[in-house]
Amino acid sequence: MTRIRRGYIARRRRTKIRLFASTFRGAHSRLTRTITQQKMRALVSTQRDRGRRKRDFRRLWITRINAVTRENRVSYSYSRFIHDLYKKRLLLNRKILAQIAISNRNCLDTISNEIIK
């Protein structure tokens, strides 16, 4: 009895997985079983790190705003600045405030002065 060649579907699936893992090093990019394990691990890491990236950027923005608000006045802190923003109903998020703090500190000073009055 002659040998039957198998279909191409499994090979197509494996090549698709190999393309995903082509940048991995060593056996992680060559062996099918380790490729599938590393693919699952990589996808878990990306999902976890998307949330972590959001947290990290928020921390960065808060640090920048706090540094600029404390620069002029000793007693004025980030938390008091945000609290005064909410009391005056100024809708500026932390990302925009951090960009203002970096690019134009005078503008942030005028905002804080208007809030305090």
PDB file of N, CA and C in Angstrom:
ATOM      1  N   MET A   1       0.836  -1.171   0.000  1.00  0.00           N
ATOM      2  CA  MET A   1       0.000   0.000   0.000  1.00  0.00           C
ATOM      3  C   MET A   1       0.890   1.246   0.000  1.00  0.00           C
ATOM      4  N   THR A   2       0.554   2.199  -0.811  1.00  0.00           N
ATOM      5  CA  THR A   2       1.390   3.389  -0.929  1.00  0.00           C
ATOM      6  C   THR A   2       1.107   4.362   0.209  1.00  0.00           C
ATOM      7  N   ARG A   3       2.087   5.241   0.416  1.00  0.00           N
ATOM      8  CA  ARG A   3       1.984   6.235   1.485  1.00  0.00           C
ATOM      9  C   ARG A   3       1.043   7.351   1.042  1.00  0.00           C
ATOM     10  N   ILE A   4       0.175   7.753   1.980  1.00  0.00           N
ATOM     11  CA  ILE A   4      -0.779   8.821   1.680  1.00  0.00           C
ATOM     12  C   ILE A   4      -0.222  10.127   2.221  1.00  0.00           C
ATOM     13  N   ARG A   5      -0.169  11.103   1.353  1.00  0.00           N
ATOM     14  CA  ARG A   5       0.276  12.419   1.808  1.00  0.00           C
ATOM     15  C   ARG A   5      -0.878  13.113   2.494  1.00  0.00           C
ATOM     16  N   ARG A   6      -0.563  13.732   3.631  1.00  0.00           N
ATOM     17  CA  ARG A   6      -1.617  14.399   4.397  1.00  0.00           C
ATOM     18  C   ARG A   6      -1.964  15.736   3.743  1.00  0.00           C
ATOM     19  N   GLY A   7      -3.046  16.311   4.205  1.00  0.00           N
ATOM     20  CA  GLY A   7      -3.500  17.584   3.657  1.00  0.00           C
ATOM     21  C   GLY A   7      -2.614  18.743   4.092  1.00  0.00           C
ATOM     22  N   TYR A   8      -2.934  19.910   3.614  1.00  0.00           N
ATOM     23  CA  TYR A   8      -2.111  21.086   3.848  1.00  0.00           C
ATOM     24  C   TYR A   8      -2.627  21.939   5.011  1.00  0.00           C
ATOM     25  N   ILE A   9      -3.757  21.557   5.606  1.00  0.00           N
ATOM     26  CA  ILE A   9      -4.391  22.424   6.609  1.00  0.00           C
ATOM     27  C   ILE A   9      -3.527  22.549   7.861  1.00  0.00           C
ATOM     28  N   ALA A  10      -2.991  21.418   8.333  1.00  0.00           N
ATOM     29  CA  ALA A  10      -2.151  21.465   9.534  1.00  0.00           C
ATOM     30  C   ALA A  10      -0.877  22.248   9.259  1.00  0.00           C
ATOM     31  N   ARG A  11      -0.303  22.074   8.076  1.00  0.00           N
ATOM     32  CA  ARG A  11       0.908  22.805   7.721  1.00  0.00           C
ATOM     33  C   ARG A  11       0.636  24.308   7.641  1.00  0.00           C
ATOM     34  N   ARG A  12      -0.532  24.666   7.111  1.00  0.00           N
ATOM     35  CA  ARG A  12      -0.895  26.075   7.025  1.00  0.00           C
ATOM     36  C   ARG A  12      -1.056  26.690   8.417  1.00  0.00           C
ATOM     37  N   ARG A  13      -1.657  25.912   9.333  1.00  0.00           N
ATOM     38  CA  ARG A  13      -1.814  26.396  10.706  1.00  0.00           C
ATOM     39  C   ARG A  13      -0.453  26.593  11.367  1.00  0.00           C
ATOM     40  N   ARG A  14       0.462  25.637  11.152  1.00  0.00           N
ATOM     41  CA  ARG A  14       1.788  25.740  11.762  1.00  0.00           C
ATOM     42  C   ARG A  14       2.596  26.902  11.199  1.00  0.00           C
ATOM     43  N   THR A  15       2.484  27.132   9.907  1.00  0.00           N
ATOM     44  CA  THR A  15       3.226  28.261   9.327  1.00  0.00           C
ATOM     45  C   THR A  15       2.670  29.587   9.832  1.00  0.00           C
ATOM     46  N   LYS A  16       1.352  29.641  10.072  1.00  0.00           N
ATOM     47  CA  LYS A  16       0.768  30.854  10.619  1.00  0.00           C
ATOM     48  C   LYS A  16       1.315  31.122  12.023  1.00  0.00           C
ATOM     49  N   ILE A  17       1.442  30.057  12.816  1.00  0.00           N
ATOM     50  CA  ILE A  17       1.999  30.202  14.166  1.00  0.00           C
ATOM     51  C   ILE A  17       3.470  30.574  14.075  1.00  0.00           C
ATOM     52  N   ARG A  18       4.192  29.979  13.121  1.00  0.00           N
ATOM     53  CA  ARG A  18       5.624  30.282  12.964  1.00  0.00           C
ATOM     54  C   ARG A  18       5.854  31.743  12.566  1.00  0.00           C
ATOM     55  N   LEU A  19       4.967  32.296  11.764  1.00  0.00           N
ATOM     56  CA  LEU A  19       5.098  33.702  11.395  1.00  0.00           C
ATOM     57  C   LEU A  19       4.934  34.604  12.617  1.00  0.00           C
ATOM     58  N   PHE A  20       4.047  34.211  13.539  1.00  0.00           N
ATOM     59  CA  PHE A  20       3.868  34.974  14.760  1.00  0.00           C
ATOM     60  C   PHE A  20       5.139  34.962  15.599  1.00  0.00           C
ATOM     61  N   ALA A  21       5.813  33.788  15.636  1.00  0.00           N
ATOM     62  CA  ALA A  21       6.975  33.612  16.515  1.00  0.00           C
ATOM     63  C   ALA A  21       8.292  33.768  15.777  1.00  0.00           C
ATOM     64  N   SER A  22       8.287  34.399  14.631  1.00  0.00           N
ATOM     65  CA  SER A  22       9.509  34.468  13.838  1.00  0.00           C
ATOM     66  C   SER A  22      10.595  35.316  14.498  1.00  0.00           C
ATOM     67  N   THR A  23      10.205  36.239  15.371  1.00  0.00           N
ATOM     68  CA  THR A  23      11.200  37.082  16.032  1.00  0.00           C
ATOM     69  C   THR A  23      11.694  36.494  17.343  1.00  0.00           C
ATOM     70  N   PHE A  24      11.102  35.381  17.776  1.00  0.00           N
ATOM     71  CA  PHE A  24      11.554  34.755  19.012  1.00  0.00           C
ATOM     72  C   PHE A  24      12.905  34.098  18.785  1.00  0.00           C
ATOM     73  N   ARG A  25      13.634  33.823  19.879  1.00  0.00           N
ATOM     74  CA  ARG A  25      14.985  33.281  19.762  1.00  0.00           C
ATOM     75  C   ARG A  25      15.013  31.799  20.089  1.00  0.00           C
ATOM     76  N   GLY A  26      15.882  31.088  19.386  1.00  0.00           N
ATOM     77  CA  GLY A  26      16.131  29.676  19.690  1.00  0.00           C
ATOM     78  C   GLY A  26      14.973  28.783  19.304  1.00  0.00           C
ATOM     79  N   ALA A  27      14.712  27.794  20.161  1.00  0.00           N
ATOM     80  CA  ALA A  27      13.661  26.823  19.878  1.00  0.00           C
ATOM     81  C   ALA A  27      12.280  27.457  19.915  1.00  0.00           C
ATOM     82  N   HIS A  28      12.175  28.613  20.543  1.00  0.00           N
ATOM     83  CA  HIS A  28      10.879  29.284  20.628  1.00  0.00           C
ATOM     84  C   HIS A  28      10.378  29.727  19.261  1.00  0.00           C
ATOM     85  N   SER A  29      11.275  29.774  18.271  1.00  0.00           N
ATOM     86  CA  SER A  29      10.834  30.153  16.933  1.00  0.00           C
ATOM     87  C   SER A  29      10.894  28.986  15.952  1.00  0.00           C
ATOM     88  N   ARG A  30      11.359  27.806  16.405  1.00  0.00           N
ATOM     89  CA  ARG A  30      11.530  26.686  15.476  1.00  0.00           C
ATOM     90  C   ARG A  30      10.626  25.494  15.763  1.00  0.00           C
ATOM     91  N   LEU A  31      10.437  25.163  17.025  1.00  0.00           N
ATOM     92  CA  LEU A  31       9.685  23.959  17.372  1.00  0.00           C
ATOM     93  C   LEU A  31       8.217  24.301  17.605  1.00  0.00           C
ATOM     94  N   THR A  32       7.343  23.506  16.987  1.00  0.00           N
ATOM     95  CA  THR A  32       5.921  23.846  16.968  1.00  0.00           C
ATOM     96  C   THR A  32       5.326  23.892  18.365  1.00  0.00           C
ATOM     97  N   ARG A  33       5.669  22.919  19.207  1.00  0.00           N
ATOM     98  CA  ARG A  33       5.062  22.870  20.531  1.00  0.00           C
ATOM     99  C   ARG A  33       5.497  24.063  21.389  1.00  0.00           C
ATOM    100  N   THR A  34       6.781  24.382  21.352  1.00  0.00           N
ATOM    101  CA  THR A  34       7.244  25.523  22.139  1.00  0.00           C
ATOM    102  C   THR A  34       6.757  26.844  21.546  1.00  0.00           C
ATOM    103  N   ILE A  35       6.570  26.875  20.229  1.00  0.00           N
ATOM    104  CA  ILE A  35       6.016  28.080  19.604  1.00  0.00           C
ATOM    105  C   ILE A  35       4.615  28.343  20.131  1.00  0.00           C
ATOM    106  N   THR A  36       3.774  27.312  20.218  1.00  0.00           N
ATOM    107  CA  THR A  36       2.405  27.518  20.695  1.00  0.00           C
ATOM    108  C   THR A  36       2.397  27.956  22.160  1.00  0.00           C
ATOM    109  N   GLN A  37       3.306  27.392  22.964  1.00  0.00           N
ATOM    110  CA  GLN A  37       3.383  27.792  24.371  1.00  0.00           C
ATOM    111  C   GLN A  37       3.816  29.253  24.493  1.00  0.00           C
ATOM    112  N   GLN A  38       4.817  29.626  23.712  1.00  0.00           N
ATOM    113  CA  GLN A  38       5.317  30.996  23.777  1.00  0.00           C
ATOM    114  C   GLN A  38       4.300  31.989  23.225  1.00  0.00           C
ATOM    115  N   LYS A  39       3.510  31.547  22.249  1.00  0.00           N
ATOM    116  CA  LYS A  39       2.473  32.426  21.716  1.00  0.00           C
ATOM    117  C   LYS A  39       1.424  32.710  22.778  1.00  0.00           C
ATOM    118  N   MET A  40       0.990  31.681  23.500  1.00  0.00           N
ATOM    119  CA  MET A  40       0.017  31.896  24.569  1.00  0.00           C
ATOM    120  C   MET A  40       0.584  32.818  25.637  1.00  0.00           C
ATOM    121  N   ARG A  41       1.842  32.594  25.979  1.00  0.00           N
ATOM    122  CA  ARG A  41       2.484  33.416  27.006  1.00  0.00           C
ATOM    123  C   ARG A  41       2.596  34.873  26.554  1.00  0.00           C
ATOM    124  N   ALA A  42       2.943  35.072  25.287  1.00  0.00           N
ATOM    125  CA  ALA A  42       3.088  36.428  24.759  1.00  0.00           C
ATOM    126  C   ALA A  42       1.750  37.161  24.739  1.00  0.00           C
ATOM    127  N   LEU A  43       0.686  36.460  24.357  1.00  0.00           N
ATOM    128  CA  LEU A  43      -0.618  37.106  24.311  1.00  0.00           C
ATOM    129  C   LEU A  43      -1.115  37.467  25.702  1.00  0.00           C
ATOM    130  N   VAL A  44      -0.823  36.611  26.691  1.00  0.00           N
ATOM    131  CA  VAL A  44      -1.182  36.930  28.073  1.00  0.00           C
ATOM    132  C   VAL A  44      -0.424  38.170  28.529  1.00  0.00           C
ATOM    133  N   SER A  45       0.861  38.243  28.177  1.00  0.00           N
ATOM    134  CA  SER A  45       1.672  39.384  28.594  1.00  0.00           C
ATOM    135  C   SER A  45       1.171  40.677  27.963  1.00  0.00           C
ATOM    136  N   THR A  46       0.791  40.628  26.693  1.00  0.00           N
ATOM    137  CA  THR A  46       0.329  41.858  26.046  1.00  0.00           C
ATOM    138  C   THR A  46      -0.968  42.350  26.659  1.00  0.00           C
ATOM    139  N   GLN A  47      -1.867  41.426  26.986  1.00  0.00           N
ATOM    140  CA  GLN A  47      -3.128  41.834  27.589  1.00  0.00           C
ATOM    141  C   GLN A  47      -2.891  42.435  28.967  1.00  0.00           C
ATOM    142  N   ARG A  48      -2.005  41.840  29.748  1.00  0.00           N
ATOM    143  CA  ARG A  48      -1.705  42.348  31.085  1.00  0.00           C
ATOM    144  C   ARG A  48      -1.018  43.717  31.001  1.00  0.00           C
ATOM    145  N   ASP A  49      -0.092  43.863  30.059  1.00  0.00           N
ATOM    146  CA  ASP A  49       0.718  45.078  30.003  1.00  0.00           C
ATOM    147  C   ASP A  49      -0.015  46.266  29.401  1.00  0.00           C
ATOM    148  N   ARG A  50      -1.136  46.031  28.710  1.00  0.00           N
ATOM    149  CA  ARG A  50      -1.927  47.170  28.242  1.00  0.00           C
ATOM    150  C   ARG A  50      -2.482  47.949  29.431  1.00  0.00           C
ATOM    151  N   GLY A  51      -2.981  47.232  30.416  1.00  0.00           N
ATOM    152  CA  GLY A  51      -3.459  47.902  31.625  1.00  0.00           C
ATOM    153  C   GLY A  51      -2.329  48.543  32.398  1.00  0.00           C
ATOM    154  N   ARG A  52      -1.180  47.870  32.441  1.00  0.00           N
ATOM    155  CA  ARG A  52      -0.026  48.416  33.160  1.00  0.00           C
ATOM    156  C   ARG A  52       0.472  49.700  32.504  1.00  0.00           C
ATOM    157  N   ARG A  53       0.437  49.738  31.155  1.00  0.00           N
ATOM    158  CA  ARG A  53       0.878  50.935  30.444  1.00  0.00           C
ATOM    159  C   ARG A  53       0.000  52.136  30.798  1.00  0.00           C
ATOM    160  N   LYS A  54      -1.319  51.905  30.914  1.00  0.00           N
ATOM    161  CA  LYS A  54      -2.225  52.979  31.294  1.00  0.00           C
ATOM    162  C   LYS A  54      -1.888  53.499  32.687  1.00  0.00           C
ATOM    163  N   ARG A  55      -1.623  52.571  33.611  1.00  0.00           N
ATOM    164  CA  ARG A  55      -1.256  52.979  34.973  1.00  0.00           C
ATOM    165  C   ARG A  55       0.036  53.771  34.986  1.00  0.00           C
ATOM    166  N   ASP A  56       1.025  53.300  34.227  1.00  0.00           N
ATOM    167  CA  ASP A  56       2.332  53.957  34.222  1.00  0.00           C
ATOM    168  C   ASP A  56       2.243  55.382  33.669  1.00  0.00           C
ATOM    169  N   PHE A  57       1.482  55.556  32.595  1.00  0.00           N
ATOM    170  CA  PHE A  57       1.354  56.894  32.034  1.00  0.00           C
ATOM    171  C   PHE A  57       0.615  57.831  32.978  1.00  0.00           C
ATOM    172  N   ARG A  58      -0.404  57.318  33.648  1.00  0.00           N
ATOM    173  CA  ARG A  58      -1.125  58.155  34.612  1.00  0.00           C
ATOM    174  C   ARG A  58      -0.193  58.597  35.741  1.00  0.00           C
ATOM    175  N   ARG A  59       0.654  57.682  36.228  1.00  0.00           N
ATOM    176  CA  ARG A  59       1.625  58.029  37.269  1.00  0.00           C
ATOM    177  C   ARG A  59       2.606  59.092  36.780  1.00  0.00           C
ATOM    178  N   LEU A  60       3.031  58.960  35.525  1.00  0.00           N
ATOM    179  CA  LEU A  60       3.958  59.932  34.951  1.00  0.00           C
ATOM    180  C   LEU A  60       3.326  61.321  34.875  1.00  0.00           C
ATOM    181  N   TRP A  61       2.058  61.378  34.405  1.00  0.00           N
ATOM    182  CA  TRP A  61       1.379  62.658  34.305  1.00  0.00           C
ATOM    183  C   TRP A  61       1.210  63.301  35.676  1.00  0.00           C
ATOM    184  N   ILE A  62       0.846  62.497  36.669  1.00  0.00           N
ATOM    185  CA  ILE A  62       0.654  63.025  38.019  1.00  0.00           C
ATOM    186  C   ILE A  62       1.970  63.568  38.559  1.00  0.00           C
ATOM    187  N   THR A  63       3.071  62.851  38.308  1.00  0.00           N
ATOM    188  CA  THR A  63       4.374  63.306  38.786  1.00  0.00           C
ATOM    189  C   THR A  63       4.762  64.633  38.149  1.00  0.00           C
ATOM    190  N   ARG A  64       4.519  64.771  36.857  1.00  0.00           N
ATOM    191  CA  ARG A  64       4.865  66.011  36.163  1.00  0.00           C
ATOM    192  C   ARG A  64       4.049  67.193  36.671  1.00  0.00           C
ATOM    193  N   ILE A  65       2.756  66.976  36.845  1.00  0.00           N
ATOM    194  CA  ILE A  65       1.894  68.055  37.333  1.00  0.00           C
ATOM    195  C   ILE A  65       2.310  68.457  38.744  1.00  0.00           C
ATOM    196  N   ASN A  66       2.587  67.474  39.579  1.00  0.00           N
ATOM    197  CA  ASN A  66       2.978  67.736  40.956  1.00  0.00           C
ATOM    198  C   ASN A  66       4.281  68.530  41.009  1.00  0.00           C
ATOM    199  N   ALA A  67       5.238  68.177  40.152  1.00  0.00           N
ATOM    200  CA  ALA A  67       6.519  68.887  40.150  1.00  0.00           C
ATOM    201  C   ALA A  67       6.343  70.349  39.779  1.00  0.00           C
ATOM    202  N   VAL A  68       5.503  70.616  38.791  1.00  0.00           N
ATOM    203  CA  VAL A  68       5.332  72.001  38.345  1.00  0.00           C
ATOM    204  C   VAL A  68       4.517  72.809  39.367  1.00  0.00           C
ATOM    205  N   THR A  69       3.505  72.192  39.964  1.00  0.00           N
ATOM    206  CA  THR A  69       2.700  72.939  40.937  1.00  0.00           C
ATOM    207  C   THR A  69       3.488  73.241  42.206  1.00  0.00           C
ATOM    208  N   ARG A  70       4.384  72.367  42.610  1.00  0.00           N
ATOM    209  CA  ARG A  70       5.192  72.610  43.809  1.00  0.00           C
ATOM    210  C   ARG A  70       6.355  73.566  43.550  1.00  0.00           C
ATOM    211  N   GLU A  71       6.670  73.801  42.288  1.00  0.00           N
ATOM    212  CA  GLU A  71       7.826  74.624  41.950  1.00  0.00           C
ATOM    213  C   GLU A  71       7.689  76.057  42.459  1.00  0.00           C
ATOM    214  N   ASN A  72       6.513  76.625  42.329  1.00  0.00           N
ATOM    215  CA  ASN A  72       6.321  78.025  42.696  1.00  0.00           C
ATOM    216  C   ASN A  72       5.943  78.199  44.164  1.00  0.00           C
ATOM    217  N   ARG A  73       5.038  77.358  44.638  1.00  0.00           N
ATOM    218  CA  ARG A  73       4.575  77.486  46.013  1.00  0.00           C
ATOM    219  C   ARG A  73       4.957  76.242  46.798  1.00  0.00           C
ATOM    220  N   VAL A  74       5.378  76.443  48.022  1.00  0.00           N
ATOM    221  CA  VAL A  74       5.813  75.315  48.846  1.00  0.00           C
ATOM    222  C   VAL A  74       4.612  74.516  49.343  1.00  0.00           C
ATOM    223  N   SER A  75       3.537  75.194  49.700  1.00  0.00           N
ATOM    224  CA  SER A  75       2.405  74.509  50.333  1.00  0.00           C
ATOM    225  C   SER A  75       1.397  73.958  49.332  1.00  0.00           C
ATOM    226  N   TYR A  76       1.520  74.311  48.065  1.00  0.00           N
ATOM    227  CA  TYR A  76       0.532  73.892  47.067  1.00  0.00           C
ATOM    228  C   TYR A  76       0.950  72.560  46.469  1.00  0.00           C
ATOM    229  N   SER A  77       0.090  71.569  46.559  1.00  0.00           N
ATOM    230  CA  SER A  77       0.440  70.230  46.098  1.00  0.00           C
ATOM    231  C   SER A  77      -0.478  69.812  44.948  1.00  0.00           C
ATOM    232  N   TYR A  78      -0.197  68.656  44.406  1.00  0.00           N
ATOM    233  CA  TYR A  78      -0.980  68.114  43.296  1.00  0.00           C
ATOM    234  C   TYR A  78      -2.412  67.852  43.721  1.00  0.00           C
ATOM    235  N   SER A  79      -2.580  67.241  44.893  1.00  0.00           N
ATOM    236  CA  SER A  79      -3.931  66.859  45.323  1.00  0.00           C
ATOM    237  C   SER A  79      -4.806  68.090  45.541  1.00  0.00           C
ATOM    238  N   ARG A  80      -4.226  69.146  46.095  1.00  0.00           N
ATOM    239  CA  ARG A  80      -4.983  70.378  46.296  1.00  0.00           C
ATOM    240  C   ARG A  80      -5.313  71.022  44.954  1.00  0.00           C
ATOM    241  N   PHE A  81      -4.379  70.929  44.004  1.00  0.00           N
ATOM    242  CA  PHE A  81      -4.593  71.487  42.660  1.00  0.00           C
ATOM    243  C   PHE A  81      -5.764  70.785  41.965  1.00  0.00           C
ATOM    244  N   ILE A  82      -5.783  69.459  42.020  1.00  0.00           N
ATOM    245  CA  ILE A  82      -6.866  68.699  41.375  1.00  0.00           C
ATOM    246  C   ILE A  82      -8.194  68.964  42.091  1.00  0.00           C
ATOM    247  N   HIS A  83      -8.145  69.056  43.405  1.00  0.00           N
ATOM    248  CA  HIS A  83      -9.359  69.335  44.168  1.00  0.00           C
ATOM    249  C   HIS A  83      -9.937  70.701  43.788  1.00  0.00           C
ATOM    250  N   ASP A  84      -9.074  71.697  43.657  1.00  0.00           N
ATOM    251  CA  ASP A  84      -9.533  73.025  43.262  1.00  0.00           C
ATOM    252  C   ASP A  84     -10.058  73.040  41.827  1.00  0.00           C
ATOM    253  N   LEU A  85      -9.455  72.214  40.977  1.00  0.00           N
ATOM    254  CA  LEU A  85      -9.970  72.098  39.602  1.00  0.00           C
ATOM    255  C   LEU A  85     -11.401  71.576  39.605  1.00  0.00           C
ATOM    256  N   TYR A  86     -11.645  70.566  40.420  1.00  0.00           N
ATOM    257  CA  TYR A  86     -12.993  70.001  40.472  1.00  0.00           C
ATOM    258  C   TYR A  86     -13.990  70.988  41.095  1.00  0.00           C
ATOM    259  N   LYS A  87     -13.532  71.749  42.078  1.00  0.00           N
ATOM    260  CA  LYS A  87     -14.439  72.728  42.687  1.00  0.00           C
ATOM    261  C   LYS A  87     -14.836  73.808  41.699  1.00  0.00           C
ATOM    262  N   LYS A  88     -13.884  74.237  40.856  1.00  0.00           N
ATOM    263  CA  LYS A  88     -14.175  75.260  39.849  1.00  0.00           C
ATOM    264  C   LYS A  88     -14.821  74.679  38.587  1.00  0.00           C
ATOM    265  N   ARG A  89     -14.985  73.365  38.546  1.00  0.00           N
ATOM    266  CA  ARG A  89     -15.594  72.654  37.417  1.00  0.00           C
ATOM    267  C   ARG A  89     -14.838  72.868  36.105  1.00  0.00           C
ATOM    268  N   LEU A  90     -13.498  72.845  36.197  1.00  0.00           N
ATOM    269  CA  LEU A  90     -12.667  72.906  34.995  1.00  0.00           C
ATOM    270  C   LEU A  90     -12.357  71.474  34.570  1.00  0.00           C
ATOM    271  N   LEU A  91     -12.785  71.119  33.388  1.00  0.00           N
ATOM    272  CA  LEU A  91     -12.630  69.744  32.928  1.00  0.00           C
ATOM    273  C   LEU A  91     -11.349  69.605  32.109  1.00  0.00           C
ATOM    274  N   LEU A  92     -10.244  69.451  32.800  1.00  0.00           N
ATOM    275  CA  LEU A  92      -8.965  69.189  32.151  1.00  0.00           C
ATOM    276  C   LEU A  92      -8.428  67.886  32.715  1.00  0.00           C
ATOM    277  N   ASN A  93      -8.172  66.933  31.836  1.00  0.00           N
ATOM    278  CA  ASN A  93      -7.656  65.670  32.348  1.00  0.00           C
ATOM    279  C   ASN A  93      -6.159  65.765  32.594  1.00  0.00           C
ATOM    280  N   ARG A  94      -5.611  64.729  33.225  1.00  0.00           N
ATOM    281  CA  ARG A  94      -4.228  64.765  33.660  1.00  0.00           C
ATOM    282  C   ARG A  94      -3.246  64.761  32.494  1.00  0.00           C
ATOM    283  N   LYS A  95      -3.635  64.135  31.403  1.00  0.00           N
ATOM    284  CA  LYS A  95      -2.756  64.101  30.229  1.00  0.00           C
ATOM    285  C   LYS A  95      -2.565  65.513  29.662  1.00  0.00           C
ATOM    286  N   ILE A  96      -3.646  66.230  29.518  1.00  0.00           N
ATOM    287  CA  ILE A  96      -3.572  67.593  28.987  1.00  0.00           C
ATOM    288  C   ILE A  96      -2.816  68.498  29.943  1.00  0.00           C
ATOM    289  N   LEU A  97      -3.083  68.358  31.246  1.00  0.00           N
ATOM    290  CA  LEU A  97      -2.376  69.173  32.225  1.00  0.00           C
ATOM    291  C   LEU A  97      -0.878  68.907  32.206  1.00  0.00           C
ATOM    292  N   ALA A  98      -0.492  67.642  32.027  1.00  0.00           N
ATOM    293  CA  ALA A  98       0.936  67.310  31.965  1.00  0.00           C
ATOM    294  C   ALA A  98       1.581  67.901  30.717  1.00  0.00           C
ATOM    295  N   GLN A  99       0.857  67.888  29.590  1.00  0.00           N
ATOM    296  CA  GLN A  99       1.399  68.489  28.375  1.00  0.00           C
ATOM    297  C   GLN A  99       1.547  69.997  28.526  1.00  0.00           C
ATOM    298  N   ILE A 100       0.586  70.619  29.183  1.00  0.00           N
ATOM    299  CA  ILE A 100       0.698  72.052  29.447  1.00  0.00           C
ATOM    300  C   ILE A 100       1.876  72.327  30.372  1.00  0.00           C
ATOM    301  N   ALA A 101       2.047  71.453  31.383  1.00  0.00           N
ATOM    302  CA  ALA A 101       3.142  71.640  32.339  1.00  0.00           C
ATOM    303  C   ALA A 101       4.501  71.561  31.664  1.00  0.00           C
ATOM    304  N   ILE A 102       4.642  70.692  30.673  1.00  0.00           N
ATOM    305  CA  ILE A 102       5.922  70.550  29.986  1.00  0.00           C
ATOM    306  C   ILE A 102       6.133  71.681  28.989  1.00  0.00           C
ATOM    307  N   SER A 103       5.139  71.934  28.155  1.00  0.00           N
ATOM    308  CA  SER A 103       5.339  72.878  27.055  1.00  0.00           C
ATOM    309  C   SER A 103       5.254  74.336  27.498  1.00  0.00           C
ATOM    310  N   ASN A 104       4.299  74.643  28.390  1.00  0.00           N
ATOM    311  CA  ASN A 104       4.067  76.044  28.740  1.00  0.00           C
ATOM    312  C   ASN A 104       3.752  76.134  30.235  1.00  0.00           C
ATOM    313  N   ARG A 105       4.782  76.311  31.025  1.00  0.00           N
ATOM    314  CA  ARG A 105       4.590  76.353  32.483  1.00  0.00           C
ATOM    315  C   ARG A 105       3.847  77.611  32.923  1.00  0.00           C
ATOM    316  N   ASN A 106       4.018  78.683  32.203  1.00  0.00           N
ATOM    317  CA  ASN A 106       3.321  79.921  32.560  1.00  0.00           C
ATOM    318  C   ASN A 106       1.809  79.752  32.464  1.00  0.00           C
ATOM    319  N   CYS A 107       1.388  78.986  31.484  1.00  0.00           N
ATOM    320  CA  CYS A 107      -0.044  78.732  31.311  1.00  0.00           C
ATOM    321  C   CYS A 107      -0.590  77.963  32.512  1.00  0.00           C
ATOM    322  N   LEU A 108       0.156  76.960  32.975  1.00  0.00           N
ATOM    323  CA  LEU A 108      -0.282  76.203  34.147  1.00  0.00           C
ATOM    324  C   LEU A 108      -0.280  77.081  35.395  1.00  0.00           C
ATOM    325  N   ASP A 109       0.664  78.002  35.473  1.00  0.00           N
ATOM    326  CA  ASP A 109       0.701  78.947  36.614  1.00  0.00           C
ATOM    327  C   ASP A 109      -0.531  79.836  36.610  1.00  0.00           C
ATOM    328  N   THR A 110      -0.906  80.311  35.427  1.00  0.00           N
ATOM    329  CA  THR A 110      -2.090  81.164  35.361  1.00  0.00           C
ATOM    330  C   THR A 110      -3.351  80.372  35.699  1.00  0.00           C
ATOM    331  N   ILE A 111      -3.411  79.109  35.267  1.00  0.00           N
ATOM    332  CA  ILE A 111      -4.553  78.262  35.618  1.00  0.00           C
ATOM    333  C   ILE A 111      -4.636  78.092  37.131  1.00  0.00           C
ATOM    334  N   SER A 112      -3.511  77.792  37.738  1.00  0.00           N
ATOM    335  CA  SER A 112      -3.512  77.587  39.197  1.00  0.00           C
ATOM    336  C   SER A 112      -3.826  78.878  39.941  1.00  0.00           C
ATOM    337  N   ASN A 113      -3.361  80.012  39.445  1.00  0.00           N
ATOM    338  CA  ASN A 113      -3.675  81.294  40.080  1.00  0.00           C
ATOM    339  C   ASN A 113      -5.157  81.622  39.992  1.00  0.00           C
ATOM    340  N   GLU A 114      -5.761  81.312  38.836  1.00  0.00           N
ATOM    341  CA  GLU A 114      -7.198  81.547  38.689  1.00  0.00           C
ATOM    342  C   GLU A 114      -8.006  80.631  39.581  1.00  0.00           C
ATOM    343  N   ILE A 115      -7.524  79.426  39.793  1.00  0.00           N
ATOM    344  CA  ILE A 115      -8.240  78.477  40.636  1.00  0.00           C
ATOM    345  C   ILE A 115      -8.196  78.925  42.093  1.00  0.00           C
ATOM    346  N   ILE A 116      -7.040  79.419  42.520  1.00  0.00           N
ATOM    347  CA  ILE A 116      -6.867  79.796  43.917  1.00  0.00           C
ATOM    348  C   ILE A 116      -7.727  81.007  44.281  1.00  0.00           C
ATOM    349  N   LYS A 117      -7.885  81.942  43.337  1.00  0.00           N
ATOM    350  CA  LYS A 117      -8.658  83.162  43.620  1.00  0.00           C
ATOM    351  C   LYS A 117     -10.127  82.870  43.865  1.00  0.00           C
TER     352      LYS A 117
END
